[in-house]
Amino acid sequence: MAYKTILNPHNGKLQRISTGGGGSSDVEELNDLTDVYIENVQDGQVLVYNEITDRFENQALDITLEDISIFNEVPTEISSLVYELDHEYVSGTLRVFINGIKELDIIELSANRLQIPYDLEVDDEIEVNYIRSSEVLISSEYIFNEVPTEISALVYETANEYESGTLRVFINGIKEKDINETSTQRFEVPYELSVSDTIELNYIKKSV
């Protein structure tokens, strides 16, 4: 049985599939595969399919959280309950705020549409935050919408160590600029949050 290795576009993992026929494989490394070409490997690179050469090649992941994060977008009303976004979003990353309050009962109808639980009045405001779906696969090292652990009135701790400069903090859905990174897993907010305030994070996990 002959096999071919492909990059699954849905989960970003290499997948070995049967192509029929006989034969055996002595593959021990990625570069042994006929449809893969790797040179000068660097930390954080990914395999990207090159249509011209018809093979997968190692390249830098030239994308940041800022490139794919959408904040405070006003969606387009399709009907009384259904709204459409400017981009397709990664399922599970959508956050909807009505009059500044996070709405929990949201239905993801499709890759760029959502449904809210009730009709809005003329003076109501709706905004959305989400991670934009991209042809460049998002690494598992990217953490989205994590709720940090409160250590003290101003200090919070992340579930993982983060790469310095990649931490993005959202208080009540609004990006907070005055954040102090006190360690690779802790940070400080500029003011004490109330019980009703929400805080969520985006960041890149620190490489081991």
C-alpha atoms as a PDB file:
ATOM      1  CA  MET A   1       0.000   0.000   0.000  1.00  0.00           C
ATOM      2  CA  ALA A   2       1.357   3.437  -0.937  1.00  0.00           C
ATOM      3  CA  TYR A   3       0.826   6.487   1.235  1.00  0.00           C
ATOM      4  CA  LYS A   4       1.080  10.237   0.920  1.00  0.00           C
ATOM      5  CA  THR A   5       1.405  12.786   3.713  1.00  0.00           C
ATOM      6  CA  ILE A   6      -0.752  15.904   3.538  1.00  0.00           C
ATOM      7  CA  LEU A   7      -1.307  18.894   5.788  1.00  0.00           C
ATOM      8  CA  ASN A   8      -4.858  18.758   7.105  1.00  0.00           C
ATOM      9  CA  PRO A   9      -6.302  22.296   6.598  1.00  0.00           C
ATOM     10  CA  HIS A  10      -8.786  21.826   9.445  1.00  0.00           C
ATOM     11  CA  ASN A  11      -6.442  21.012  12.309  1.00  0.00           C
ATOM     12  CA  GLY A  12      -2.989  21.902  10.995  1.00  0.00           C
ATOM     13  CA  LYS A  13      -1.626  18.398  11.514  1.00  0.00           C
ATOM     14  CA  LEU A  14       0.214  16.104   9.131  1.00  0.00           C
ATOM     15  CA  GLN A  15      -2.029  13.269   7.998  1.00  0.00           C
ATOM     16  CA  ARG A  16      -0.878  10.080   6.240  1.00  0.00           C
ATOM     17  CA  ILE A  17      -3.387   8.896   3.626  1.00  0.00           C
ATOM     18  CA  SER A  18      -3.485   5.927   1.302  1.00  0.00           C
ATOM     19  CA  THR A  19      -2.967   6.544  -2.414  1.00  0.00           C
ATOM     20  CA  GLY A  20      -3.483   2.909  -3.421  1.00  0.00           C
ATOM     21  CA  GLY A  21      -0.983   0.471  -4.868  1.00  0.00           C
ATOM     22  CA  GLY A  22       1.806  -1.420  -3.164  1.00  0.00           C
ATOM     23  CA  GLY A  23       5.210  -0.561  -1.827  1.00  0.00           C
ATOM     24  CA  SER A  24       6.696   0.292   1.525  1.00  0.00           C
ATOM     25  CA  SER A  25       8.064   3.451   3.172  1.00  0.00           C
ATOM     26  CA  ASP A  26      11.405   4.061   4.881  1.00  0.00           C
ATOM     27  CA  VAL A  27      10.412   7.542   6.066  1.00  0.00           C
ATOM     28  CA  GLU A  28      12.142   8.533   9.301  1.00  0.00           C
ATOM     29  CA  GLU A  29      12.048  12.327   9.030  1.00  0.00           C
ATOM     30  CA  LEU A  30       9.694  14.847   7.411  1.00  0.00           C
ATOM     31  CA  ASN A  31      12.266  15.721   4.775  1.00  0.00           C
ATOM     32  CA  ASP A  32      12.315  12.083   3.619  1.00  0.00           C
ATOM     33  CA  LEU A  33       8.827  12.571   2.182  1.00  0.00           C
ATOM     34  CA  THR A  34       8.772  13.296  -1.546  1.00  0.00           C
ATOM     35  CA  ASP A  35       6.198  16.075  -1.141  1.00  0.00           C
ATOM     36  CA  VAL A  36       8.056  17.891   1.651  1.00  0.00           C
ATOM     37  CA  TYR A  37      11.118  20.150   1.348  1.00  0.00           C
ATOM     38  CA  ILE A  38      12.741  21.476   4.536  1.00  0.00           C
ATOM     39  CA  GLU A  39      15.884  23.565   4.936  1.00  0.00           C
ATOM     40  CA  ASN A  40      17.366  25.859   7.600  1.00  0.00           C
ATOM     41  CA  VAL A  41      14.738  24.954  10.195  1.00  0.00           C
ATOM     42  CA  GLN A  42      13.954  27.735  12.676  1.00  0.00           C
ATOM     43  CA  ASP A  43      11.892  27.713  15.861  1.00  0.00           C
ATOM     44  CA  GLY A  44       8.204  28.490  15.277  1.00  0.00           C
ATOM     45  CA  GLN A  45       8.144  27.655  11.553  1.00  0.00           C
ATOM     46  CA  VAL A  46       5.227  25.801   9.918  1.00  0.00           C
ATOM     47  CA  LEU A  47       4.759  23.717   6.781  1.00  0.00           C
ATOM     48  CA  VAL A  48       3.042  25.642   3.972  1.00  0.00           C
ATOM     49  CA  TYR A  49       1.939  24.151   0.663  1.00  0.00           C
ATOM     50  CA  ASN A  50       3.631  25.699  -2.399  1.00  0.00           C
ATOM     51  CA  GLU A  51       1.407  25.278  -5.457  1.00  0.00           C
ATOM     52  CA  ILE A  52       4.289  25.983  -7.854  1.00  0.00           C
ATOM     53  CA  THR A  53       6.590  23.250  -6.523  1.00  0.00           C
ATOM     54  CA  ASP A  54       3.684  20.972  -5.493  1.00  0.00           C
ATOM     55  CA  ARG A  55       5.152  20.279  -2.075  1.00  0.00           C
ATOM     56  CA  PHE A  56       5.126  21.478   1.523  1.00  0.00           C
ATOM     57  CA  GLU A  57       7.919  23.855   2.567  1.00  0.00           C
ATOM     58  CA  ASN A  58       8.951  25.252   5.940  1.00  0.00           C
ATOM     59  CA  GLN A  59       8.228  28.933   6.418  1.00  0.00           C
ATOM     60  CA  ALA A  60       7.964  31.399   9.275  1.00  0.00           C
ATOM     61  CA  LEU A  61       4.473  31.854  10.690  1.00  0.00           C
ATOM     62  CA  ASP A  62       4.159  35.434   9.476  1.00  0.00           C
ATOM     63  CA  ILE A  63       1.053  36.299  11.446  1.00  0.00           C
ATOM     64  CA  THR A  64       0.354  37.892  14.828  1.00  0.00           C
ATOM     65  CA  LEU A  65      -2.626  38.141  17.124  1.00  0.00           C
ATOM     66  CA  GLU A  66      -3.095  41.716  15.963  1.00  0.00           C
ATOM     67  CA  ASP A  67      -3.404  40.518  12.358  1.00  0.00           C
ATOM     68  CA  ILE A  68      -6.276  38.146  13.058  1.00  0.00           C
ATOM     69  CA  SER A  69      -8.006  39.746  16.057  1.00  0.00           C
ATOM     70  CA  ILE A  70     -11.101  41.839  15.367  1.00  0.00           C
ATOM     71  CA  PHE A  71     -12.253  44.236  18.083  1.00  0.00           C
ATOM     72  CA  ASN A  72     -15.399  46.334  18.477  1.00  0.00           C
ATOM     73  CA  GLU A  73     -16.766  45.609  15.014  1.00  0.00           C
ATOM     74  CA  VAL A  74     -20.371  46.655  14.385  1.00  0.00           C
ATOM     75  CA  PRO A  75     -22.047  43.730  12.568  1.00  0.00           C
ATOM     76  CA  THR A  76     -24.553  44.104   9.752  1.00  0.00           C
ATOM     77  CA  GLU A  77     -28.195  43.380  10.628  1.00  0.00           C
ATOM     78  CA  ILE A  78     -29.638  40.701   8.328  1.00  0.00           C
ATOM     79  CA  SER A  79     -32.948  40.283  10.180  1.00  0.00           C
ATOM     80  CA  SER A  80     -34.333  41.176  13.602  1.00  0.00           C
ATOM     81  CA  LEU A  81     -32.128  38.569  15.326  1.00  0.00           C
ATOM     82  CA  VAL A  82     -29.468  37.662  12.770  1.00  0.00           C
ATOM     83  CA  TYR A  83     -26.268  39.633  12.151  1.00  0.00           C
ATOM     84  CA  GLU A  84     -23.396  39.198   9.710  1.00  0.00           C
ATOM     85  CA  LEU A  85     -19.708  39.923  10.302  1.00  0.00           C
ATOM     86  CA  ASP A  86     -17.166  41.414   7.920  1.00  0.00           C
ATOM     87  CA  HIS A  87     -15.033  38.261   8.134  1.00  0.00           C
ATOM     88  CA  GLU A  88     -15.410  34.586   8.879  1.00  0.00           C
ATOM     89  CA  TYR A  89     -14.518  33.833  12.498  1.00  0.00           C
ATOM     90  CA  VAL A  90     -12.917  30.951  14.351  1.00  0.00           C
ATOM     91  CA  SER A  91     -15.716  29.084  16.119  1.00  0.00           C
ATOM     92  CA  GLY A  92     -15.677  29.644  19.866  1.00  0.00           C
ATOM     93  CA  THR A  93     -13.866  32.998  19.741  1.00  0.00           C
ATOM     94  CA  LEU A  94     -16.930  35.190  19.080  1.00  0.00           C
ATOM     95  CA  ARG A  95     -17.831  37.669  21.819  1.00  0.00           C
ATOM     96  CA  VAL A  96     -20.922  39.874  21.461  1.00  0.00           C
ATOM     97  CA  PHE A  97     -21.556  43.018  23.502  1.00  0.00           C
ATOM     98  CA  ILE A  98     -24.958  44.738  23.603  1.00  0.00           C
ATOM     99  CA  ASN A  99     -24.811  48.210  25.098  1.00  0.00           C
ATOM    100  CA  GLY A 100     -21.377  47.330  26.448  1.00  0.00           C
ATOM    101  CA  ILE A 101     -22.556  44.179  28.259  1.00  0.00           C
ATOM    102  CA  LYS A 102     -21.350  40.747  27.146  1.00  0.00           C
ATOM    103  CA  GLU A 103     -24.274  38.674  25.814  1.00  0.00           C
ATOM    104  CA  LEU A 104     -23.974  34.980  26.698  1.00  0.00           C
ATOM    105  CA  ASP A 105     -26.896  33.514  24.716  1.00  0.00           C
ATOM    106  CA  ILE A 106     -25.418  33.763  21.225  1.00  0.00           C
ATOM    107  CA  ILE A 107     -25.925  31.183  18.478  1.00  0.00           C
ATOM    108  CA  GLU A 108     -23.187  30.774  15.856  1.00  0.00           C
ATOM    109  CA  LEU A 109     -25.230  30.231  12.683  1.00  0.00           C
ATOM    110  CA  SER A 110     -22.376  30.027  10.185  1.00  0.00           C
ATOM    111  CA  ALA A 111     -18.776  31.081   9.689  1.00  0.00           C
ATOM    112  CA  ASN A 112     -19.754  34.765   9.571  1.00  0.00           C
ATOM    113  CA  ARG A 113     -23.284  34.982  10.986  1.00  0.00           C
ATOM    114  CA  LEU A 114     -24.721  34.942  14.502  1.00  0.00           C
ATOM    115  CA  GLN A 115     -28.081  35.101  16.203  1.00  0.00           C
ATOM    116  CA  ILE A 116     -28.925  37.099  19.331  1.00  0.00           C
ATOM    117  CA  PRO A 117     -31.758  36.115  21.732  1.00  0.00           C
ATOM    118  CA  TYR A 118     -33.934  39.238  21.417  1.00  0.00           C
ATOM    119  CA  ASP A 119     -34.758  42.213  19.176  1.00  0.00           C
ATOM    120  CA  LEU A 120     -32.698  45.353  19.669  1.00  0.00           C
ATOM    121  CA  GLU A 121     -34.179  48.818  20.002  1.00  0.00           C
ATOM    122  CA  VAL A 122     -33.130  51.647  17.685  1.00  0.00           C
ATOM    123  CA  ASP A 123     -30.802  53.169  20.275  1.00  0.00           C
ATOM    124  CA  ASP A 124     -29.222  49.836  21.286  1.00  0.00           C
ATOM    125  CA  GLU A 125     -25.589  49.243  20.319  1.00  0.00           C
ATOM    126  CA  ILE A 126     -24.051  45.915  19.333  1.00  0.00           C
ATOM    127  CA  GLU A 127     -20.334  45.213  18.902  1.00  0.00           C
ATOM    128  CA  VAL A 128     -18.372  42.015  18.393  1.00  0.00           C
ATOM    129  CA  ASN A 129     -14.861  40.747  19.095  1.00  0.00           C
ATOM    130  CA  TYR A 130     -13.531  37.609  17.408  1.00  0.00           C
ATOM    131  CA  ILE A 131     -10.541  35.856  15.901  1.00  0.00           C
ATOM    132  CA  ARG A 132     -10.686  36.045  12.135  1.00  0.00           C
ATOM    133  CA  SER A 133     -10.492  32.756  10.280  1.00  0.00           C
ATOM    134  CA  SER A 134      -7.367  32.593   8.136  1.00  0.00           C
ATOM    135  CA  GLU A 135      -5.845  30.362   5.480  1.00  0.00           C
ATOM    136  CA  VAL A 136      -2.741  30.446   7.645  1.00  0.00           C
ATOM    137  CA  LEU A 137      -3.409  27.852  10.297  1.00  0.00           C
ATOM    138  CA  ILE A 138      -3.434  29.118  13.859  1.00  0.00           C
ATOM    139  CA  SER A 139      -0.916  27.370  16.087  1.00  0.00           C
ATOM    140  CA  SER A 140      -1.981  25.797  19.381  1.00  0.00           C
ATOM    141  CA  GLU A 141       0.523  28.228  20.937  1.00  0.00           C
ATOM    142  CA  TYR A 142      -2.021  31.026  20.477  1.00  0.00           C
ATOM    143  CA  ILE A 143      -4.345  31.397  23.473  1.00  0.00           C
ATOM    144  CA  PHE A 144      -7.679  33.166  22.996  1.00  0.00           C
ATOM    145  CA  ASN A 145     -10.268  34.477  25.479  1.00  0.00           C
ATOM    146  CA  GLU A 146      -8.647  32.997  28.580  1.00  0.00           C
ATOM    147  CA  VAL A 147      -9.984  34.146  31.949  1.00  0.00           C
ATOM    148  CA  PRO A 148      -6.956  34.742  34.222  1.00  0.00           C
ATOM    149  CA  THR A 149      -6.700  33.894  37.917  1.00  0.00           C
ATOM    150  CA  GLU A 150      -6.902  36.856  40.313  1.00  0.00           C
ATOM    151  CA  ILE A 151      -3.868  36.908  42.653  1.00  0.00           C
ATOM    152  CA  SER A 152      -4.560  40.256  44.296  1.00  0.00           C
ATOM    153  CA  ALA A 153      -6.632  43.376  43.640  1.00  0.00           C
ATOM    154  CA  LEU A 154      -4.489  44.348  40.658  1.00  0.00           C
ATOM    155  CA  VAL A 155      -2.413  41.260  39.852  1.00  0.00           C
ATOM    156  CA  TYR A 156      -3.573  38.338  37.671  1.00  0.00           C
ATOM    157  CA  GLU A 157      -1.965  35.084  36.569  1.00  0.00           C
ATOM    158  CA  THR A 158      -2.248  33.324  33.210  1.00  0.00           C
ATOM    159  CA  ALA A 159      -2.638  29.564  32.814  1.00  0.00           C
ATOM    160  CA  ASN A 160       0.605  29.436  30.791  1.00  0.00           C
ATOM    161  CA  GLU A 161       3.776  31.465  30.534  1.00  0.00           C
ATOM    162  CA  TYR A 162       3.445  33.992  27.690  1.00  0.00           C
ATOM    163  CA  GLU A 163       5.857  35.519  25.213  1.00  0.00           C
ATOM    164  CA  SER A 164       6.653  39.078  26.281  1.00  0.00           C
ATOM    165  CA  GLY A 165       4.820  41.665  24.191  1.00  0.00           C
ATOM    166  CA  THR A 166       2.063  39.309  22.988  1.00  0.00           C
ATOM    167  CA  LEU A 167      -0.302  39.716  25.960  1.00  0.00           C
ATOM    168  CA  ARG A 168      -3.596  41.432  25.155  1.00  0.00           C
ATOM    169  CA  VAL A 169      -6.012  42.147  28.029  1.00  0.00           C
ATOM    170  CA  PHE A 170      -9.704  42.947  27.551  1.00  0.00           C
ATOM    171  CA  ILE A 171     -11.771  44.385  30.388  1.00  0.00           C
ATOM    172  CA  ASN A 172     -15.488  44.288  29.644  1.00  0.00           C
ATOM    173  CA  GLY A 173     -14.572  43.582  26.031  1.00  0.00           C
ATOM    174  CA  ILE A 174     -12.390  46.687  25.681  1.00  0.00           C
ATOM    175  CA  LYS A 175      -8.637  46.365  25.123  1.00  0.00           C
ATOM    176  CA  GLU A 176      -6.735  47.733  28.121  1.00  0.00           C
ATOM    177  CA  LYS A 177      -3.516  49.486  27.114  1.00  0.00           C
ATOM    178  CA  ASP A 178      -1.977  50.180  30.538  1.00  0.00           C
ATOM    179  CA  ILE A 179      -0.908  46.648  31.414  1.00  0.00           C
ATOM    180  CA  ASN A 180       2.271  45.922  33.356  1.00  0.00           C
ATOM    181  CA  GLU A 181       3.881  42.543  32.637  1.00  0.00           C
ATOM    182  CA  THR A 182       5.338  41.654  36.047  1.00  0.00           C
ATOM    183  CA  SER A 183       6.593  38.177  35.071  1.00  0.00           C
ATOM    184  CA  THR A 184       6.220  35.596  32.289  1.00  0.00           C
ATOM    185  CA  GLN A 185       2.928  34.458  33.818  1.00  0.00           C
ATOM    186  CA  ARG A 186       1.643  37.456  35.754  1.00  0.00           C
ATOM    187  CA  PHE A 187       0.526  40.970  34.906  1.00  0.00           C
ATOM    188  CA  GLU A 188      -0.947  43.996  36.622  1.00  0.00           C
ATOM    189  CA  VAL A 189      -4.030  45.995  35.621  1.00  0.00           C
ATOM    190  CA  PRO A 190      -4.179  49.760  36.320  1.00  0.00           C
ATOM    191  CA  TYR A 191      -7.283  49.681  38.513  1.00  0.00           C
ATOM    192  CA  GLU A 192      -9.284  47.309  40.678  1.00  0.00           C
ATOM    193  CA  LEU A 193     -12.137  45.486  38.935  1.00  0.00           C
ATOM    194  CA  SER A 194     -15.635  45.211  40.357  1.00  0.00           C
ATOM    195  CA  VAL A 195     -17.579  41.952  40.704  1.00  0.00           C
ATOM    196  CA  SER A 196     -19.520  42.632  37.501  1.00  0.00           C
ATOM    197  CA  ASP A 197     -16.424  43.384  35.393  1.00  0.00           C
ATOM    198  CA  THR A 198     -15.110  40.761  32.974  1.00  0.00           C
ATOM    199  CA  ILE A 199     -11.475  40.178  32.012  1.00  0.00           C
ATOM    200  CA  GLU A 200     -10.175  37.999  29.171  1.00  0.00           C
ATOM    201  CA  LEU A 201      -6.774  37.498  27.579  1.00  0.00           C
ATOM    202  CA  ASN A 202      -5.145  36.695  24.246  1.00  0.00           C
ATOM    203  CA  TYR A 203      -1.463  35.755  24.111  1.00  0.00           C
ATOM    204  CA  ILE A 204       1.165  33.441  22.649  1.00  0.00           C
ATOM    205  CA  LYS A 205       2.423  30.667  24.905  1.00  0.00           C
ATOM    206  CA  LYS A 206       6.099  30.899  25.761  1.00  0.00           C
ATOM    207  CA  SER A 207       8.225  28.319  23.967  1.00  0.00           C
ATOM    208  CA  VAL A 208       9.669  25.615  26.209  1.00  0.00           C
END
